[in-house]
Amino acid sequence: MKILHLISSSRGSESFSNKLGNSIIEKLLAQYPEATVRDHHLAKSPFPHLEEVHLTSFFTPEEHRSPEQLEAVRHSDEAIAELLEADRIVIEVPMYNFSIPSTLKAWIDHITRAGITFTYSDSGVEGLVKNKKAYLAISSGGIYSEGVMKDADFTEKYLRFILGFIGITDIEVFRVEGLNMQQFKDHALPKAQKMVEEFAF
């Protein structure tokens, strides 16, 4: 088994999404000791935000790409290769302003490519990234899994949609939430880690 581990927080090891993501990795390795893990620190080695040269390179046949376009498309090709090689994907998702970090959005923009990770047909869109399972480790200062703020959560809903769009529909979500709330913050991480420990991977 090959595990792709995407780390998107800029807080490094102090990040709660990182701590929760590491718990998921540890549980996967305990369940599948032969597995290998490929870490990708999106905050330390970010993908460039899409510019004209990237978009042009995506839609230019390889044999007609300029040297600049070949370099621009390299980031996307490498990210897609990592994704296609993986059996499991663990994505750490700190909530920034009710949504995902721009580093993670940039990665998504590079892996979502027509004809490679999804295709259009007469019956609609078909995702081409098959037989993968994803785990989301979402952290937030408030409570967004339920209650009055649930509709303000644009992390899980967006990621479920965009991953499903490219074919990844088997998704499990773990949350460490209430980190900025006095009544929840001390128990938020242990509670989330217990849910990981009790989950049948």
C-alpha atoms as a PDB file:
ATOM      1  CA  MET A   1       0.000   0.000   0.000  1.00  0.00           C
ATOM      2  CA  LYS A   2       1.142   3.530  -0.821  1.00  0.00           C
ATOM      3  CA  ILE A   3      -0.074   6.458   1.266  1.00  0.00           C
ATOM      4  CA  LEU A   4       0.063  10.074   0.086  1.00  0.00           C
ATOM      5  CA  HIS A   5       0.130  12.463   3.047  1.00  0.00           C
ATOM      6  CA  LEU A   6      -0.722  16.090   2.237  1.00  0.00           C
ATOM      7  CA  ILE A   7       0.208  18.646   4.911  1.00  0.00           C
ATOM      8  CA  SER A   8      -1.295  22.066   4.230  1.00  0.00           C
ATOM      9  CA  SER A   9      -0.955  23.995   7.494  1.00  0.00           C
ATOM     10  CA  SER A  10       1.714  26.670   7.790  1.00  0.00           C
ATOM     11  CA  ARG A  11       2.050  25.941  11.542  1.00  0.00           C
ATOM     12  CA  GLY A  12       4.056  22.759  11.099  1.00  0.00           C
ATOM     13  CA  SER A  13       4.081  20.367  14.025  1.00  0.00           C
ATOM     14  CA  GLU A  14       2.073  22.844  16.136  1.00  0.00           C
ATOM     15  CA  SER A  15      -0.862  22.415  13.780  1.00  0.00           C
ATOM     16  CA  PHE A  16      -3.819  20.449  15.118  1.00  0.00           C
ATOM     17  CA  SER A  17      -4.686  19.223  11.629  1.00  0.00           C
ATOM     18  CA  ASN A  18      -1.124  17.879  11.471  1.00  0.00           C
ATOM     19  CA  LYS A  19      -1.451  16.136  14.820  1.00  0.00           C
ATOM     20  CA  LEU A  20      -4.733  14.566  13.756  1.00  0.00           C
ATOM     21  CA  GLY A  21      -3.333  13.647  10.336  1.00  0.00           C
ATOM     22  CA  ASN A  22      -0.352  11.974  11.982  1.00  0.00           C
ATOM     23  CA  SER A  23      -2.737   9.921  14.125  1.00  0.00           C
ATOM     24  CA  ILE A  24      -4.434   8.702  10.948  1.00  0.00           C
ATOM     25  CA  ILE A  25      -1.073   7.816   9.410  1.00  0.00           C
ATOM     26  CA  GLU A  26      -0.044   5.929  12.546  1.00  0.00           C
ATOM     27  CA  LYS A  27      -3.281   3.944  12.538  1.00  0.00           C
ATOM     28  CA  LEU A  28      -2.905   3.097   8.848  1.00  0.00           C
ATOM     29  CA  LEU A  29       0.670   1.915   9.405  1.00  0.00           C
ATOM     30  CA  ALA A  30      -0.427  -0.188  12.353  1.00  0.00           C
ATOM     31  CA  GLN A  31      -3.104  -1.768  10.187  1.00  0.00           C
ATOM     32  CA  TYR A  32      -0.872  -2.082   7.106  1.00  0.00           C
ATOM     33  CA  PRO A  33       2.735  -2.337   8.344  1.00  0.00           C
ATOM     34  CA  GLU A  34       4.030  -2.919   4.816  1.00  0.00           C
ATOM     35  CA  ALA A  35       2.691   0.460   3.667  1.00  0.00           C
ATOM     36  CA  THR A  36       4.913   3.342   2.587  1.00  0.00           C
ATOM     37  CA  VAL A  37       4.157   7.023   3.201  1.00  0.00           C
ATOM     38  CA  ARG A  38       4.981   9.923   0.922  1.00  0.00           C
ATOM     39  CA  ASP A  39       4.750  13.256   2.752  1.00  0.00           C
ATOM     40  CA  HIS A  40       4.082  16.400   0.761  1.00  0.00           C
ATOM     41  CA  HIS A  41       4.371  19.624   2.774  1.00  0.00           C
ATOM     42  CA  LEU A  42       2.261  21.976   0.712  1.00  0.00           C
ATOM     43  CA  ALA A  43       3.118  24.928   2.945  1.00  0.00           C
ATOM     44  CA  LYS A  44       6.876  24.307   2.706  1.00  0.00           C
ATOM     45  CA  SER A  45       6.911  23.294  -0.973  1.00  0.00           C
ATOM     46  CA  PRO A  46       3.822  25.013  -2.375  1.00  0.00           C
ATOM     47  CA  PHE A  47       2.458  24.544  -5.850  1.00  0.00           C
ATOM     48  CA  PRO A  48       2.275  27.794  -7.819  1.00  0.00           C
ATOM     49  CA  HIS A  49      -1.126  29.371  -8.141  1.00  0.00           C
ATOM     50  CA  LEU A  50      -2.396  28.960 -11.677  1.00  0.00           C
ATOM     51  CA  GLU A  51      -1.312  31.618 -14.125  1.00  0.00           C
ATOM     52  CA  GLU A  52      -1.776  31.933 -17.862  1.00  0.00           C
ATOM     53  CA  VAL A  53       1.293  29.835 -18.643  1.00  0.00           C
ATOM     54  CA  HIS A  54      -0.053  26.913 -16.622  1.00  0.00           C
ATOM     55  CA  LEU A  55      -3.483  26.992 -18.206  1.00  0.00           C
ATOM     56  CA  THR A  56      -2.001  27.326 -21.677  1.00  0.00           C
ATOM     57  CA  SER A  57       0.333  24.400 -21.076  1.00  0.00           C
ATOM     58  CA  PHE A  58      -2.539  22.175 -19.906  1.00  0.00           C
ATOM     59  CA  PHE A  59      -4.352  22.623 -23.202  1.00  0.00           C
ATOM     60  CA  THR A  60      -1.307  22.456 -25.479  1.00  0.00           C
ATOM     61  CA  PRO A  61      -0.320  18.999 -26.812  1.00  0.00           C
ATOM     62  CA  GLU A  62       2.968  17.893 -25.293  1.00  0.00           C
ATOM     63  CA  GLU A  63       4.823  17.875 -28.595  1.00  0.00           C
ATOM     64  CA  HIS A  64       3.898  21.519 -29.174  1.00  0.00           C
ATOM     65  CA  ARG A  65       4.754  22.900 -25.749  1.00  0.00           C
ATOM     66  CA  SER A  66       7.455  25.523 -25.428  1.00  0.00           C
ATOM     67  CA  PRO A  67      10.261  25.057 -22.865  1.00  0.00           C
ATOM     68  CA  GLU A  68       8.416  27.488 -20.585  1.00  0.00           C
ATOM     69  CA  GLN A  69       5.211  25.477 -20.900  1.00  0.00           C
ATOM     70  CA  LEU A  70       7.030  22.208 -20.246  1.00  0.00           C
ATOM     71  CA  GLU A  71       8.381  23.642 -17.008  1.00  0.00           C
ATOM     72  CA  ALA A  72       4.967  25.054 -16.063  1.00  0.00           C
ATOM     73  CA  VAL A  73       3.153  21.747 -16.544  1.00  0.00           C
ATOM     74  CA  ARG A  74       5.782  19.790 -14.613  1.00  0.00           C
ATOM     75  CA  HIS A  75       4.230  20.668 -11.239  1.00  0.00           C
ATOM     76  CA  SER A  76       0.868  19.337 -12.339  1.00  0.00           C
ATOM     77  CA  ASP A  77       2.287  16.170 -13.900  1.00  0.00           C
ATOM     78  CA  GLU A  78       4.253  15.366 -10.738  1.00  0.00           C
ATOM     79  CA  ALA A  79       1.259  15.969  -8.466  1.00  0.00           C
ATOM     80  CA  ILE A  80      -0.983  13.764 -10.607  1.00  0.00           C
ATOM     81  CA  ALA A  81       1.647  11.006 -10.710  1.00  0.00           C
ATOM     82  CA  GLU A  82       1.848  11.058  -6.886  1.00  0.00           C
ATOM     83  CA  LEU A  83      -1.932  10.882  -6.648  1.00  0.00           C
ATOM     84  CA  LEU A  84      -2.326   8.038  -9.137  1.00  0.00           C
ATOM     85  CA  GLU A  85       0.367   5.983  -7.410  1.00  0.00           C
ATOM     86  CA  ALA A  86      -1.323   6.280  -4.008  1.00  0.00           C
ATOM     87  CA  ASP A  87      -3.848   3.826  -2.595  1.00  0.00           C
ATOM     88  CA  ARG A  88      -4.751   6.038   0.373  1.00  0.00           C
ATOM     89  CA  ILE A  89      -4.673   9.828   0.607  1.00  0.00           C
ATOM     90  CA  VAL A  90      -4.536  11.602   3.960  1.00  0.00           C
ATOM     91  CA  ILE A  91      -5.291  15.311   3.621  1.00  0.00           C
ATOM     92  CA  GLU A  92      -4.736  17.673   6.528  1.00  0.00           C
ATOM     93  CA  VAL A  93      -7.183  20.585   6.357  1.00  0.00           C
ATOM     94  CA  PRO A  94      -6.951  23.487   8.802  1.00  0.00           C
ATOM     95  CA  MET A  95      -9.948  25.760   8.338  1.00  0.00           C
ATOM     96  CA  TYR A  96      -8.840  29.199   7.178  1.00  0.00           C
ATOM     97  CA  ASN A  97     -11.656  31.750   6.974  1.00  0.00           C
ATOM     98  CA  PHE A  98     -14.265  28.983   6.688  1.00  0.00           C
ATOM     99  CA  SER A  99     -12.470  27.244   3.807  1.00  0.00           C
ATOM    100  CA  ILE A 100      -9.274  25.403   2.894  1.00  0.00           C
ATOM    101  CA  PRO A 101      -5.738  26.887   2.792  1.00  0.00           C
ATOM    102  CA  SER A 102      -4.680  28.366  -0.529  1.00  0.00           C
ATOM    103  CA  THR A 103      -1.777  25.881  -0.597  1.00  0.00           C
ATOM    104  CA  LEU A 104      -4.260  23.012  -0.726  1.00  0.00           C
ATOM    105  CA  LYS A 105      -6.401  24.808  -3.307  1.00  0.00           C
ATOM    106  CA  ALA A 106      -3.320  25.246  -5.512  1.00  0.00           C
ATOM    107  CA  TRP A 107      -2.643  21.495  -5.315  1.00  0.00           C
ATOM    108  CA  ILE A 108      -6.252  20.811  -6.294  1.00  0.00           C
ATOM    109  CA  ASP A 109      -5.946  23.158  -9.270  1.00  0.00           C
ATOM    110  CA  HIS A 110      -2.920  21.211 -10.480  1.00  0.00           C
ATOM    111  CA  ILE A 111      -4.488  17.756 -10.139  1.00  0.00           C
ATOM    112  CA  THR A 112      -7.874  18.596 -11.663  1.00  0.00           C
ATOM    113  CA  ARG A 113      -7.201  18.297 -15.396  1.00  0.00           C
ATOM    114  CA  ALA A 114      -9.586  17.387 -18.182  1.00  0.00           C
ATOM    115  CA  GLY A 115      -8.604  14.227 -20.013  1.00  0.00           C
ATOM    116  CA  ILE A 116      -6.272  13.109 -17.228  1.00  0.00           C
ATOM    117  CA  THR A 117      -8.128  13.055 -13.907  1.00  0.00           C
ATOM    118  CA  PHE A 118     -11.626  13.582 -15.297  1.00  0.00           C
ATOM    119  CA  THR A 119     -13.332  13.504 -18.657  1.00  0.00           C
ATOM    120  CA  TYR A 120     -16.525  14.759 -20.254  1.00  0.00           C
ATOM    121  CA  SER A 121     -18.869  12.395 -22.057  1.00  0.00           C
ATOM    122  CA  ASP A 122     -22.437  12.364 -23.329  1.00  0.00           C
ATOM    123  CA  SER A 123     -23.543  11.094 -19.925  1.00  0.00           C
ATOM    124  CA  GLY A 124     -21.725  13.848 -18.015  1.00  0.00           C
ATOM    125  CA  VAL A 125     -18.447  14.083 -16.116  1.00  0.00           C
ATOM    126  CA  GLU A 126     -16.522  10.924 -15.243  1.00  0.00           C
ATOM    127  CA  GLY A 127     -13.744  10.917 -12.660  1.00  0.00           C
ATOM    128  CA  LEU A 128     -10.684   8.983 -13.784  1.00  0.00           C
ATOM    129  CA  VAL A 129      -8.936   8.606 -10.404  1.00  0.00           C
ATOM    130  CA  LYS A 130     -10.289   5.225  -9.368  1.00  0.00           C
ATOM    131  CA  ASN A 131      -9.910   2.838  -6.429  1.00  0.00           C
ATOM    132  CA  LYS A 132      -8.639   5.371  -3.895  1.00  0.00           C
ATOM    133  CA  LYS A 133      -9.675   6.080  -0.324  1.00  0.00           C
ATOM    134  CA  ALA A 134      -9.214   9.507   1.228  1.00  0.00           C
ATOM    135  CA  TYR A 135      -9.129  10.645   4.834  1.00  0.00           C
ATOM    136  CA  LEU A 136      -9.666  14.286   5.766  1.00  0.00           C
ATOM    137  CA  ALA A 137      -8.180  15.608   9.016  1.00  0.00           C
ATOM    138  CA  ILE A 138     -10.037  18.890   9.527  1.00  0.00           C
ATOM    139  CA  SER A 139      -9.237  21.328  12.335  1.00  0.00           C
ATOM    140  CA  SER A 140     -11.232  24.402  13.301  1.00  0.00           C
ATOM    141  CA  GLY A 141     -11.532  26.918  16.104  1.00  0.00           C
ATOM    142  CA  GLY A 142     -15.300  26.558  16.227  1.00  0.00           C
ATOM    143  CA  ILE A 143     -17.790  23.718  15.907  1.00  0.00           C
ATOM    144  CA  TYR A 144     -18.804  23.135  12.284  1.00  0.00           C
ATOM    145  CA  SER A 145     -19.787  19.474  12.122  1.00  0.00           C
ATOM    146  CA  GLU A 146     -23.176  20.377  13.582  1.00  0.00           C
ATOM    147  CA  GLY A 147     -25.134  23.278  15.006  1.00  0.00           C
ATOM    148  CA  VAL A 148     -25.673  26.850  13.859  1.00  0.00           C
ATOM    149  CA  MET A 149     -22.284  27.154  12.079  1.00  0.00           C
ATOM    150  CA  LYS A 150     -22.544  23.995   9.992  1.00  0.00           C
ATOM    151  CA  ASP A 151     -23.560  25.896   6.840  1.00  0.00           C
ATOM    152  CA  ALA A 152     -20.454  28.074   7.182  1.00  0.00           C
ATOM    153  CA  ASP A 153     -18.136  25.094   6.719  1.00  0.00           C
ATOM    154  CA  PHE A 154     -16.674  25.135   3.196  1.00  0.00           C
ATOM    155  CA  THR A 155     -13.954  22.582   3.910  1.00  0.00           C
ATOM    156  CA  GLU A 156     -15.615  19.173   3.941  1.00  0.00           C
ATOM    157  CA  LYS A 157     -18.374  20.006   1.460  1.00  0.00           C
ATOM    158  CA  TYR A 158     -15.941  21.388  -1.115  1.00  0.00           C
ATOM    159  CA  LEU A 159     -13.397  18.598  -0.730  1.00  0.00           C
ATOM    160  CA  ARG A 160     -16.033  15.884  -0.978  1.00  0.00           C
ATOM    161  CA  PHE A 161     -17.299  17.468  -4.189  1.00  0.00           C
ATOM    162  CA  ILE A 162     -13.957  18.107  -5.905  1.00  0.00           C
ATOM    163  CA  LEU A 163     -12.469  14.744  -4.932  1.00  0.00           C
ATOM    164  CA  GLY A 164     -15.648  13.039  -6.119  1.00  0.00           C
ATOM    165  CA  PHE A 165     -15.423  15.022  -9.335  1.00  0.00           C
ATOM    166  CA  ILE A 166     -12.120  13.317 -10.172  1.00  0.00           C
ATOM    167  CA  GLY A 167     -13.339   9.905  -8.988  1.00  0.00           C
ATOM    168  CA  ILE A 168     -12.462   9.701  -5.285  1.00  0.00           C
ATOM    169  CA  THR A 169     -15.765   9.068  -3.524  1.00  0.00           C
ATOM    170  CA  ASP A 170     -14.640   6.827  -0.649  1.00  0.00           C
ATOM    171  CA  ILE A 171     -13.925   9.548   1.922  1.00  0.00           C
ATOM    172  CA  GLU A 172     -13.750   9.488   5.722  1.00  0.00           C
ATOM    173  CA  VAL A 173     -13.698  12.683   7.756  1.00  0.00           C
ATOM    174  CA  PHE A 174     -12.172  13.225  11.187  1.00  0.00           C
ATOM    175  CA  ARG A 175     -12.433  16.572  12.965  1.00  0.00           C
ATOM    176  CA  VAL A 176     -10.622  18.283  15.792  1.00  0.00           C
ATOM    177  CA  GLU A 177     -12.894  21.241  16.478  1.00  0.00           C
ATOM    178  CA  GLY A 178     -13.741  23.824  19.091  1.00  0.00           C
ATOM    179  CA  LEU A 179     -10.065  24.693  19.534  1.00  0.00           C
ATOM    180  CA  ASN A 180     -10.840  28.346  20.280  1.00  0.00           C
ATOM    181  CA  MET A 181     -13.749  27.566  22.586  1.00  0.00           C
ATOM    182  CA  GLN A 182     -12.968  27.421  26.291  1.00  0.00           C
ATOM    183  CA  GLN A 183     -15.343  24.545  26.999  1.00  0.00           C
ATOM    184  CA  PHE A 184     -13.950  22.323  24.216  1.00  0.00           C
ATOM    185  CA  LYS A 185     -10.309  23.196  23.517  1.00  0.00           C
ATOM    186  CA  ASP A 186      -8.653  21.013  26.177  1.00  0.00           C
ATOM    187  CA  HIS A 187     -10.464  17.872  25.054  1.00  0.00           C
ATOM    188  CA  ALA A 188     -10.731  18.505  21.308  1.00  0.00           C
ATOM    189  CA  LEU A 189      -7.601  16.674  20.190  1.00  0.00           C
ATOM    190  CA  PRO A 190      -7.914  13.645  22.522  1.00  0.00           C
ATOM    191  CA  LYS A 191     -11.540  13.257  21.430  1.00  0.00           C
ATOM    192  CA  ALA A 192     -10.582  13.345  17.740  1.00  0.00           C
ATOM    193  CA  GLN A 193      -7.664  10.952  18.235  1.00  0.00           C
ATOM    194  CA  LYS A 194      -9.942   8.529  20.077  1.00  0.00           C
ATOM    195  CA  MET A 195     -12.292   8.527  17.090  1.00  0.00           C
ATOM    196  CA  VAL A 196      -9.334   7.652  14.851  1.00  0.00           C
ATOM    197  CA  GLU A 197      -8.227   4.899  17.220  1.00  0.00           C
ATOM    198  CA  GLU A 198     -11.690   3.348  17.309  1.00  0.00           C
ATOM    199  CA  PHE A 199     -12.268   3.574  13.557  1.00  0.00           C
ATOM    200  CA  ALA A 200     -11.971   0.351  11.535  1.00  0.00           C
ATOM    201  CA  PHE A 201      -9.409   1.253   8.871  1.00  0.00           C
END
